[in-house]
Amino acid sequence: MTPTAEDRLPLSGRFPIRPDCRAFTLLEVVLVIALLGVLGGLFISGGSELFRARERTATDVFWQAVQAARLQAVQEDVTVELRFDEKKQQVVWTTPNSSHELDWPGKKLEFLPVGQNDFVLLGGQLVGTGGPAKVRFYADGGVDRFRAQLTDVAGNVTRLDLDPWTCAPVLHPSP
């Protein structure tokens, strides 16, 4: 069977175009592949932070314990006591019926009174002096007035002030 003139390709070198056949051009395919490559590169370089577990800091654990103790006090209509167990290195909150704890990732947690002259300069850092061994969260959502002093594993000291009505951090203007 010999091909006839109608079966052969046109002399221009192009394939015959059928009107019912739709396809992507080579340029469109290359652009899509390039865009996917760029997005993939961005995701791999910057997106890996999304999946990396961040190490819990002493501040994270403190705020988690404060919010859990306050929530329990409000929901159960009881007074909840929050304290730091130095032997077990845990933050503990208790009610008459239950006890909860979180492992402490730092060296120490201290509850300090709120006052003007409750700090001394030791080794170049302001350090709080004395304070209650525990603080109480009440059923109305309030808490005893206190300041928290957190010491991390490296020995860095962070002081946090809490609003006694909302248990939110008190922000101080920068000098």
N, C-alpha and C. Protein backbone atom coordinates (compact mmCIF):
# COMPACT_ATOMS: atom_id res chain seq x y z
N MET A 1 0.85 -1.17 0.00
CA MET A 1 0.00 0.00 0.00
C MET A 1 0.89 1.23 0.00
N THR A 2 0.78 2.00 -1.02
CA THR A 2 1.57 3.21 -1.13
C THR A 2 0.76 4.40 -0.71
N PRO A 3 1.43 5.29 0.05
CA PRO A 3 0.69 6.46 0.50
C PRO A 3 0.33 7.37 -0.65
N THR A 4 -0.80 7.94 -0.56
CA THR A 4 -1.25 8.88 -1.57
C THR A 4 -0.84 10.28 -1.17
N ALA A 5 -1.07 11.21 -2.00
CA ALA A 5 -0.68 12.60 -1.73
C ALA A 5 -1.44 13.18 -0.55
N GLU A 6 -2.64 12.71 -0.31
CA GLU A 6 -3.42 13.23 0.80
C GLU A 6 -2.92 12.71 2.13
N ASP A 7 -2.32 11.51 2.16
CA ASP A 7 -1.84 10.92 3.40
C ASP A 7 -0.49 11.46 3.83
N ARG A 8 0.26 12.03 2.90
CA ARG A 8 1.59 12.53 3.24
C ARG A 8 1.50 13.86 3.98
N LEU A 9 2.59 14.18 4.71
CA LEU A 9 2.66 15.46 5.41
C LEU A 9 2.75 16.59 4.41
N PRO A 10 2.23 17.74 4.78
CA PRO A 10 2.39 18.88 3.87
C PRO A 10 3.86 19.24 3.72
N LEU A 11 4.22 19.86 2.66
CA LEU A 11 5.60 20.21 2.40
C LEU A 11 6.15 21.25 3.36
N SER A 12 5.29 21.96 4.06
CA SER A 12 5.77 22.99 4.99
C SER A 12 6.43 22.38 6.21
N GLY A 13 6.27 21.10 6.47
CA GLY A 13 6.89 20.45 7.62
C GLY A 13 6.04 20.50 8.87
N ARG A 14 4.87 21.01 8.82
CA ARG A 14 3.99 21.08 10.00
C ARG A 14 2.98 19.95 9.94
N PHE A 15 2.59 19.56 11.16
CA PHE A 15 1.57 18.52 11.23
C PHE A 15 0.21 19.16 10.97
N PRO A 16 -0.67 18.41 10.44
CA PRO A 16 -2.00 18.99 10.21
C PRO A 16 -2.70 19.27 11.53
N ILE A 17 -3.35 20.37 11.65
CA ILE A 17 -4.04 20.76 12.88
C ILE A 17 -5.51 20.39 12.75
N ARG A 18 -5.95 19.61 13.71
CA ARG A 18 -7.36 19.24 13.71
C ARG A 18 -8.10 20.20 14.63
N PRO A 19 -9.19 20.75 14.26
CA PRO A 19 -9.89 21.75 15.07
C PRO A 19 -10.46 21.16 16.37
N ASP A 20 -10.72 19.90 16.47
CA ASP A 20 -11.29 19.31 17.68
C ASP A 20 -10.22 18.90 18.69
N CYS A 21 -8.96 19.02 18.36
CA CYS A 21 -7.86 18.61 19.26
C CYS A 21 -7.24 19.85 19.88
N ARG A 22 -7.31 19.94 21.22
CA ARG A 22 -6.73 21.08 21.93
C ARG A 22 -5.58 20.57 22.78
N ALA A 23 -4.50 21.31 22.84
CA ALA A 23 -3.32 20.88 23.61
C ALA A 23 -2.59 22.13 24.11
N PHE A 24 -1.67 21.89 25.07
CA PHE A 24 -0.85 22.97 25.59
C PHE A 24 0.35 23.16 24.67
N THR A 25 0.79 24.39 24.56
CA THR A 25 2.00 24.65 23.77
C THR A 25 3.21 24.35 24.62
N LEU A 26 4.32 24.21 23.98
CA LEU A 26 5.56 23.92 24.69
C LEU A 26 5.90 25.06 25.66
N LEU A 27 5.65 26.27 25.28
CA LEU A 27 5.92 27.42 26.14
C LEU A 27 5.10 27.36 27.42
N GLU A 28 3.84 27.02 27.33
CA GLU A 28 2.99 26.90 28.52
C GLU A 28 3.48 25.80 29.45
N VAL A 29 3.88 24.68 28.91
CA VAL A 29 4.39 23.58 29.73
C VAL A 29 5.68 23.98 30.42
N VAL A 30 6.58 24.64 29.73
CA VAL A 30 7.86 25.08 30.33
C VAL A 30 7.61 26.09 31.43
N LEU A 31 6.69 27.04 31.22
CA LEU A 31 6.38 28.03 32.26
C LEU A 31 5.81 27.39 33.52
N VAL A 32 4.93 26.42 33.37
CA VAL A 32 4.35 25.73 34.53
C VAL A 32 5.43 24.98 35.29
N ILE A 33 6.31 24.30 34.58
CA ILE A 33 7.40 23.56 35.24
C ILE A 33 8.34 24.52 35.97
N ALA A 34 8.64 25.66 35.35
CA ALA A 34 9.51 26.65 36.00
C ALA A 34 8.86 27.21 37.26
N LEU A 35 7.57 27.53 37.20
CA LEU A 35 6.87 28.04 38.39
C LEU A 35 6.83 27.00 39.50
N LEU A 36 6.57 25.76 39.16
CA LEU A 36 6.59 24.70 40.18
C LEU A 36 7.98 24.56 40.80
N GLY A 37 9.01 24.71 39.99
CA GLY A 37 10.38 24.65 40.51
C GLY A 37 10.67 25.78 41.48
N VAL A 38 10.24 26.98 41.14
CA VAL A 38 10.45 28.14 42.03
C VAL A 38 9.68 27.96 43.33
N LEU A 39 8.42 27.58 43.24
CA LEU A 39 7.62 27.37 44.45
C LEU A 39 8.19 26.24 45.29
N GLY A 40 8.63 25.18 44.66
CA GLY A 40 9.23 24.07 45.39
C GLY A 40 10.51 24.51 46.10
N GLY A 41 11.32 25.31 45.45
CA GLY A 41 12.53 25.81 46.07
C GLY A 41 12.24 26.70 47.27
N LEU A 42 11.25 27.56 47.15
CA LEU A 42 10.87 28.41 48.28
C LEU A 42 10.34 27.59 49.45
N PHE A 43 9.53 26.59 49.13
CA PHE A 43 8.96 25.76 50.19
C PHE A 43 10.03 24.96 50.90
N ILE A 44 10.96 24.40 50.15
CA ILE A 44 12.01 23.58 50.77
C ILE A 44 12.93 24.43 51.62
N SER A 45 13.29 25.63 51.16
CA SER A 45 14.23 26.45 51.92
C SER A 45 13.56 27.12 53.12
N GLY A 46 12.41 27.75 52.92
CA GLY A 46 11.76 28.48 54.01
C GLY A 46 10.69 27.68 54.72
N GLY A 47 10.09 26.75 54.05
CA GLY A 47 8.99 25.99 54.62
C GLY A 47 9.41 24.93 55.61
N SER A 48 10.69 24.59 55.61
CA SER A 48 11.14 23.57 56.56
C SER A 48 10.99 24.04 58.00
N GLU A 49 10.99 25.35 58.22
CA GLU A 49 10.79 25.88 59.57
C GLU A 49 9.39 25.57 60.10
N LEU A 50 8.44 25.42 59.19
CA LEU A 50 7.07 25.13 59.61
C LEU A 50 6.96 23.76 60.26
N PHE A 51 7.79 22.84 59.82
CA PHE A 51 7.69 21.47 60.31
C PHE A 51 8.70 21.16 61.40
N ARG A 52 9.62 22.06 61.65
CA ARG A 52 10.62 21.83 62.68
C ARG A 52 10.01 22.14 64.05
N ALA A 53 10.16 21.22 64.96
CA ALA A 53 9.63 21.42 66.31
C ALA A 53 10.53 22.41 67.05
N ARG A 54 9.91 23.45 67.58
CA ARG A 54 10.67 24.46 68.31
C ARG A 54 10.80 23.99 69.75
N GLU A 55 11.98 24.16 70.29
CA GLU A 55 12.22 23.76 71.67
C GLU A 55 11.42 24.66 72.60
N ARG A 56 10.77 24.05 73.57
CA ARG A 56 9.96 24.82 74.52
C ARG A 56 10.88 25.57 75.49
N THR A 57 10.62 26.84 75.62
CA THR A 57 11.42 27.66 76.53
C THR A 57 10.73 27.76 77.88
N ALA A 58 11.45 28.27 78.86
CA ALA A 58 10.88 28.46 80.19
C ALA A 58 9.69 29.41 80.13
N THR A 59 9.77 30.43 79.29
CA THR A 59 8.67 31.37 79.16
C THR A 59 7.42 30.68 78.59
N ASP A 60 7.61 29.81 77.60
CA ASP A 60 6.48 29.06 77.03
C ASP A 60 5.79 28.21 78.10
N VAL A 61 6.59 27.49 78.88
CA VAL A 61 6.03 26.61 79.91
C VAL A 61 5.33 27.43 80.99
N PHE A 62 5.92 28.56 81.37
CA PHE A 62 5.30 29.42 82.39
C PHE A 62 3.92 29.88 81.93
N TRP A 63 3.82 30.42 80.71
CA TRP A 63 2.54 30.93 80.23
C TRP A 63 1.53 29.80 80.04
N GLN A 64 2.00 28.63 79.65
CA GLN A 64 1.09 27.49 79.52
C GLN A 64 0.51 27.11 80.87
N ALA A 65 1.35 27.10 81.91
CA ALA A 65 0.88 26.77 83.26
C ALA A 65 -0.07 27.84 83.79
N VAL A 66 0.24 29.11 83.56
CA VAL A 66 -0.62 30.20 84.02
C VAL A 66 -2.00 30.10 83.37
N GLN A 67 -2.04 29.91 82.06
CA GLN A 67 -3.32 29.83 81.37
C GLN A 67 -4.12 28.59 81.79
N ALA A 68 -3.44 27.47 81.99
CA ALA A 68 -4.13 26.25 82.42
C ALA A 68 -4.69 26.40 83.83
N ALA A 69 -3.92 27.00 84.74
CA ALA A 69 -4.39 27.20 86.11
C ALA A 69 -5.57 28.16 86.15
N ARG A 70 -5.49 29.24 85.39
CA ARG A 70 -6.59 30.21 85.35
C ARG A 70 -7.85 29.58 84.76
N LEU A 71 -7.69 28.84 83.68
CA LEU A 71 -8.83 28.18 83.04
C LEU A 71 -9.50 27.19 83.99
N GLN A 72 -8.70 26.43 84.70
CA GLN A 72 -9.26 25.46 85.64
C GLN A 72 -10.00 26.17 86.78
N ALA A 73 -9.44 27.26 87.29
CA ALA A 73 -10.09 28.01 88.37
C ALA A 73 -11.46 28.53 87.92
N VAL A 74 -11.53 29.07 86.71
CA VAL A 74 -12.78 29.63 86.20
C VAL A 74 -13.79 28.53 85.90
N GLN A 75 -13.35 27.46 85.24
CA GLN A 75 -14.28 26.41 84.84
C GLN A 75 -14.83 25.62 86.03
N GLU A 76 -13.99 25.36 87.03
CA GLU A 76 -14.42 24.54 88.16
C GLU A 76 -14.90 25.36 89.35
N ASP A 77 -14.81 26.70 89.24
CA ASP A 77 -15.24 27.60 90.30
C ASP A 77 -14.53 27.29 91.62
N VAL A 78 -13.20 27.14 91.53
CA VAL A 78 -12.37 26.85 92.71
C VAL A 78 -11.13 27.74 92.68
N THR A 79 -10.42 27.77 93.78
CA THR A 79 -9.14 28.46 93.84
C THR A 79 -8.04 27.45 93.48
N VAL A 80 -7.18 27.84 92.56
CA VAL A 80 -6.09 26.98 92.10
C VAL A 80 -4.78 27.60 92.56
N GLU A 81 -3.90 26.78 93.13
CA GLU A 81 -2.59 27.25 93.57
C GLU A 81 -1.51 26.80 92.59
N LEU A 82 -0.67 27.74 92.20
CA LEU A 82 0.45 27.47 91.28
C LEU A 82 1.74 27.62 92.06
N ARG A 83 2.63 26.63 91.93
CA ARG A 83 3.92 26.69 92.63
C ARG A 83 4.98 26.01 91.78
N PHE A 84 6.23 26.18 92.19
CA PHE A 84 7.35 25.55 91.50
C PHE A 84 7.98 24.53 92.43
N ASP A 85 8.08 23.29 91.99
CA ASP A 85 8.71 22.21 92.76
C ASP A 85 10.17 22.11 92.31
N GLU A 86 11.08 22.62 93.16
CA GLU A 86 12.51 22.65 92.78
C GLU A 86 13.12 21.26 92.70
N LYS A 87 12.68 20.35 93.55
CA LYS A 87 13.25 19.00 93.53
C LYS A 87 12.92 18.27 92.24
N LYS A 88 11.66 18.34 91.81
CA LYS A 88 11.23 17.65 90.59
C LYS A 88 11.41 18.50 89.34
N GLN A 89 11.76 19.78 89.51
CA GLN A 89 11.87 20.73 88.40
C GLN A 89 10.58 20.75 87.58
N GLN A 90 9.46 21.02 88.30
CA GLN A 90 8.16 21.06 87.66
C GLN A 90 7.36 22.26 88.15
N VAL A 91 6.51 22.77 87.27
CA VAL A 91 5.52 23.77 87.65
C VAL A 91 4.26 22.97 87.96
N VAL A 92 3.70 23.19 89.16
CA VAL A 92 2.57 22.40 89.63
C VAL A 92 1.40 23.33 89.95
N TRP A 93 0.20 22.99 89.48
CA TRP A 93 -1.00 23.71 89.90
C TRP A 93 -1.97 22.70 90.47
N THR A 94 -2.56 23.08 91.61
CA THR A 94 -3.40 22.14 92.35
C THR A 94 -4.72 22.78 92.76
N THR A 95 -5.73 21.93 92.89
CA THR A 95 -7.02 22.29 93.46
C THR A 95 -7.25 21.31 94.61
N PRO A 96 -8.31 21.46 95.36
CA PRO A 96 -8.58 20.47 96.41
C PRO A 96 -8.77 19.05 95.85
N ASN A 97 -9.13 18.93 94.57
CA ASN A 97 -9.43 17.61 94.01
C ASN A 97 -8.42 17.09 93.00
N SER A 98 -7.53 17.94 92.49
CA SER A 98 -6.63 17.49 91.43
C SER A 98 -5.29 18.20 91.48
N SER A 99 -4.35 17.64 90.74
CA SER A 99 -3.02 18.22 90.64
C SER A 99 -2.50 17.99 89.22
N HIS A 100 -1.86 19.01 88.66
CA HIS A 100 -1.30 18.93 87.31
C HIS A 100 0.11 19.50 87.36
N GLU A 101 0.96 19.02 86.46
CA GLU A 101 2.33 19.52 86.45
C GLU A 101 2.88 19.55 85.03
N LEU A 102 3.87 20.43 84.85
CA LEU A 102 4.62 20.53 83.60
C LEU A 102 6.10 20.51 83.94
N ASP A 103 6.89 19.80 83.15
CA ASP A 103 8.33 19.79 83.36
C ASP A 103 8.90 21.16 83.03
N TRP A 104 9.84 21.60 83.86
CA TRP A 104 10.42 22.93 83.72
C TRP A 104 11.71 22.83 82.92
N PRO A 105 11.83 23.54 81.79
CA PRO A 105 13.04 23.44 80.97
C PRO A 105 14.18 24.35 81.45
N GLY A 106 13.94 25.19 82.45
CA GLY A 106 14.96 26.10 82.93
C GLY A 106 15.57 25.63 84.24
N LYS A 107 16.30 26.55 84.89
CA LYS A 107 16.90 26.23 86.18
C LYS A 107 15.96 26.50 87.34
N LYS A 108 15.25 27.64 87.26
CA LYS A 108 14.48 28.06 88.42
C LYS A 108 13.31 28.95 88.01
N LEU A 109 12.26 28.90 88.82
CA LEU A 109 11.11 29.80 88.68
C LEU A 109 10.81 30.34 90.07
N GLU A 110 10.75 31.65 90.17
CA GLU A 110 10.44 32.30 91.45
C GLU A 110 9.26 33.23 91.28
N PHE A 111 8.43 33.28 92.30
CA PHE A 111 7.32 34.23 92.35
C PHE A 111 7.74 35.36 93.26
N LEU A 112 7.71 36.58 92.75
CA LEU A 112 8.19 37.75 93.48
C LEU A 112 7.04 38.69 93.79
N PRO A 113 7.15 39.42 94.90
CA PRO A 113 6.13 40.43 95.19
C PRO A 113 6.25 41.58 94.21
N VAL A 114 5.18 42.32 94.06
CA VAL A 114 5.21 43.49 93.18
C VAL A 114 5.47 44.70 94.04
N GLY A 115 6.61 45.33 93.81
CA GLY A 115 6.99 46.51 94.58
C GLY A 115 8.11 47.23 93.88
N GLN A 116 8.48 48.39 94.40
CA GLN A 116 9.51 49.20 93.75
C GLN A 116 10.92 48.73 94.11
N ASN A 117 11.15 48.31 95.34
CA ASN A 117 12.51 48.02 95.79
C ASN A 117 12.71 46.53 96.04
N ASP A 118 12.27 45.69 95.12
CA ASP A 118 12.39 44.26 95.35
C ASP A 118 13.46 43.61 94.47
N PHE A 119 14.42 44.42 93.97
CA PHE A 119 15.49 43.88 93.13
C PHE A 119 16.84 44.32 93.68
N VAL A 120 17.84 43.44 93.51
CA VAL A 120 19.22 43.77 93.85
C VAL A 120 20.08 43.44 92.63
N LEU A 121 21.24 44.10 92.54
CA LEU A 121 22.15 43.86 91.43
C LEU A 121 23.16 42.80 91.85
N LEU A 122 23.10 41.63 91.21
CA LEU A 122 24.03 40.53 91.49
C LEU A 122 24.69 40.11 90.19
N GLY A 123 26.01 40.17 90.15
CA GLY A 123 26.73 39.72 88.96
C GLY A 123 26.32 40.45 87.70
N GLY A 124 25.96 41.69 87.80
CA GLY A 124 25.58 42.47 86.63
C GLY A 124 24.14 42.29 86.18
N GLN A 125 23.36 41.49 86.90
CA GLN A 125 21.95 41.31 86.55
C GLN A 125 21.07 41.69 87.73
N LEU A 126 19.95 42.35 87.42
CA LEU A 126 18.97 42.65 88.45
C LEU A 126 18.26 41.35 88.81
N VAL A 127 18.25 41.01 90.10
CA VAL A 127 17.64 39.78 90.55
C VAL A 127 16.62 40.12 91.63
N GLY A 128 15.44 39.51 91.53
CA GLY A 128 14.39 39.75 92.51
C GLY A 128 14.72 39.11 93.84
N THR A 129 14.18 39.70 94.89
CA THR A 129 14.45 39.18 96.24
C THR A 129 13.16 38.70 96.87
N GLY A 130 13.19 37.50 97.36
CA GLY A 130 12.08 36.93 98.13
C GLY A 130 10.74 37.00 97.44
N GLY A 131 9.79 36.27 97.97
CA GLY A 131 8.46 36.30 97.41
C GLY A 131 7.66 35.11 97.89
N PRO A 132 6.40 35.05 97.49
CA PRO A 132 5.56 33.93 97.92
C PRO A 132 6.01 32.62 97.27
N ALA A 133 5.79 31.51 97.96
CA ALA A 133 6.15 30.20 97.41
C ALA A 133 5.12 29.74 96.39
N LYS A 134 3.93 30.31 96.45
CA LYS A 134 2.88 29.93 95.50
C LYS A 134 1.97 31.12 95.27
N VAL A 135 1.22 31.06 94.18
CA VAL A 135 0.23 32.09 93.88
C VAL A 135 -1.11 31.42 93.65
N ARG A 136 -2.17 32.19 93.88
CA ARG A 136 -3.52 31.64 93.77
C ARG A 136 -4.27 32.28 92.62
N PHE A 137 -4.96 31.43 91.88
CA PHE A 137 -5.87 31.86 90.81
C PHE A 137 -7.28 31.67 91.33
N TYR A 138 -8.15 32.65 91.11
CA TYR A 138 -9.48 32.63 91.68
C TYR A 138 -10.54 32.35 90.62
N ALA A 139 -11.72 31.97 91.08
CA ALA A 139 -12.81 31.58 90.19
C ALA A 139 -13.29 32.74 89.31
N ASP A 140 -13.04 33.99 89.72
CA ASP A 140 -13.46 35.13 88.90
C ASP A 140 -12.46 35.44 87.79
N GLY A 141 -11.37 34.65 87.68
CA GLY A 141 -10.38 34.85 86.63
C GLY A 141 -9.18 35.67 87.08
N GLY A 142 -9.21 36.18 88.31
CA GLY A 142 -8.11 36.98 88.81
C GLY A 142 -7.02 36.11 89.43
N VAL A 143 -5.93 36.77 89.82
CA VAL A 143 -4.78 36.09 90.41
C VAL A 143 -4.15 37.01 91.45
N ASP A 144 -3.44 36.44 92.40
CA ASP A 144 -2.66 37.25 93.34
C ASP A 144 -1.68 38.11 92.55
N ARG A 145 -1.40 39.32 93.05
CA ARG A 145 -0.40 40.15 92.38
C ARG A 145 0.97 39.54 92.60
N PHE A 146 1.67 39.27 91.52
CA PHE A 146 3.03 38.75 91.62
C PHE A 146 3.79 39.03 90.34
N ARG A 147 5.06 38.84 90.43
CA ARG A 147 5.97 38.97 89.30
C ARG A 147 6.72 37.65 89.22
N ALA A 148 6.93 37.12 88.04
CA ALA A 148 7.66 35.85 87.88
C ALA A 148 9.08 36.14 87.43
N GLN A 149 10.01 35.41 88.02
CA GLN A 149 11.41 35.50 87.61
C GLN A 149 11.84 34.12 87.13
N LEU A 150 12.14 34.02 85.85
CA LEU A 150 12.51 32.76 85.23
C LEU A 150 14.01 32.75 84.96
N THR A 151 14.66 31.67 85.35
CA THR A 151 16.08 31.51 85.07
C THR A 151 16.22 30.32 84.13
N ASP A 152 16.80 30.57 82.94
CA ASP A 152 16.93 29.47 81.98
C ASP A 152 18.20 28.67 82.25
N VAL A 153 18.44 27.66 81.45
CA VAL A 153 19.57 26.76 81.65
C VAL A 153 20.89 27.50 81.57
N ALA A 154 20.98 28.52 80.74
CA ALA A 154 22.21 29.29 80.59
C ALA A 154 22.41 30.30 81.72
N GLY A 155 21.43 30.44 82.61
CA GLY A 155 21.54 31.38 83.73
C GLY A 155 20.98 32.75 83.43
N ASN A 156 20.38 32.95 82.27
CA ASN A 156 19.76 34.25 81.94
C ASN A 156 18.45 34.39 82.70
N VAL A 157 18.26 35.57 83.26
CA VAL A 157 17.08 35.84 84.08
C VAL A 157 16.08 36.69 83.29
N THR A 158 14.82 36.26 83.31
CA THR A 158 13.73 37.00 82.69
C THR A 158 12.67 37.26 83.74
N ARG A 159 12.22 38.52 83.82
CA ARG A 159 11.16 38.86 84.76
C ARG A 159 9.90 39.18 83.97
N LEU A 160 8.79 38.62 84.43
CA LEU A 160 7.50 38.84 83.77
C LEU A 160 6.51 39.40 84.78
N ASP A 161 5.82 40.45 84.39
CA ASP A 161 4.76 41.02 85.21
C ASP A 161 3.42 40.56 84.65
N LEU A 162 2.49 40.23 85.56
CA LEU A 162 1.16 39.80 85.15
C LEU A 162 0.12 40.79 85.62
N ASP A 163 -0.86 41.01 84.78
CA ASP A 163 -2.01 41.80 85.17
C ASP A 163 -2.87 40.92 86.09
N PRO A 164 -3.17 41.37 87.33
CA PRO A 164 -3.89 40.51 88.26
C PRO A 164 -5.34 40.23 87.86
N TRP A 165 -5.89 40.98 86.93
CA TRP A 165 -7.28 40.75 86.55
C TRP A 165 -7.41 39.83 85.35
N THR A 166 -6.48 39.91 84.42
CA THR A 166 -6.60 39.14 83.18
C THR A 166 -5.53 38.05 83.03
N CYS A 167 -4.53 38.08 83.88
CA CYS A 167 -3.39 37.14 83.80
C CYS A 167 -2.62 37.30 82.51
N ALA A 168 -2.72 38.45 81.90
CA ALA A 168 -1.98 38.74 80.67
C ALA A 168 -0.66 39.39 81.03
N PRO A 169 0.32 39.30 80.15
CA PRO A 169 1.60 39.96 80.43
C PRO A 169 1.44 41.47 80.42
N VAL A 170 2.15 42.13 81.32
CA VAL A 170 2.16 43.58 81.37
C VAL A 170 3.36 44.04 80.58
N LEU A 171 3.12 44.87 79.57
CA LEU A 171 4.19 45.37 78.72
C LEU A 171 4.69 46.68 79.29
N HIS A 172 6.01 46.81 79.33
CA HIS A 172 6.62 48.04 79.84
C HIS A 172 7.19 48.82 78.66
N PRO A 173 7.07 50.15 78.72
CA PRO A 173 7.65 50.94 77.61
C PRO A 173 9.16 50.80 77.61
N SER A 174 9.73 50.75 76.41
CA SER A 174 11.19 50.63 76.33
C SER A 174 11.80 51.98 76.67
N PRO A 175 12.97 51.97 77.32
CA PRO A 175 13.60 53.22 77.74
C PRO A 175 14.13 54.04 76.60
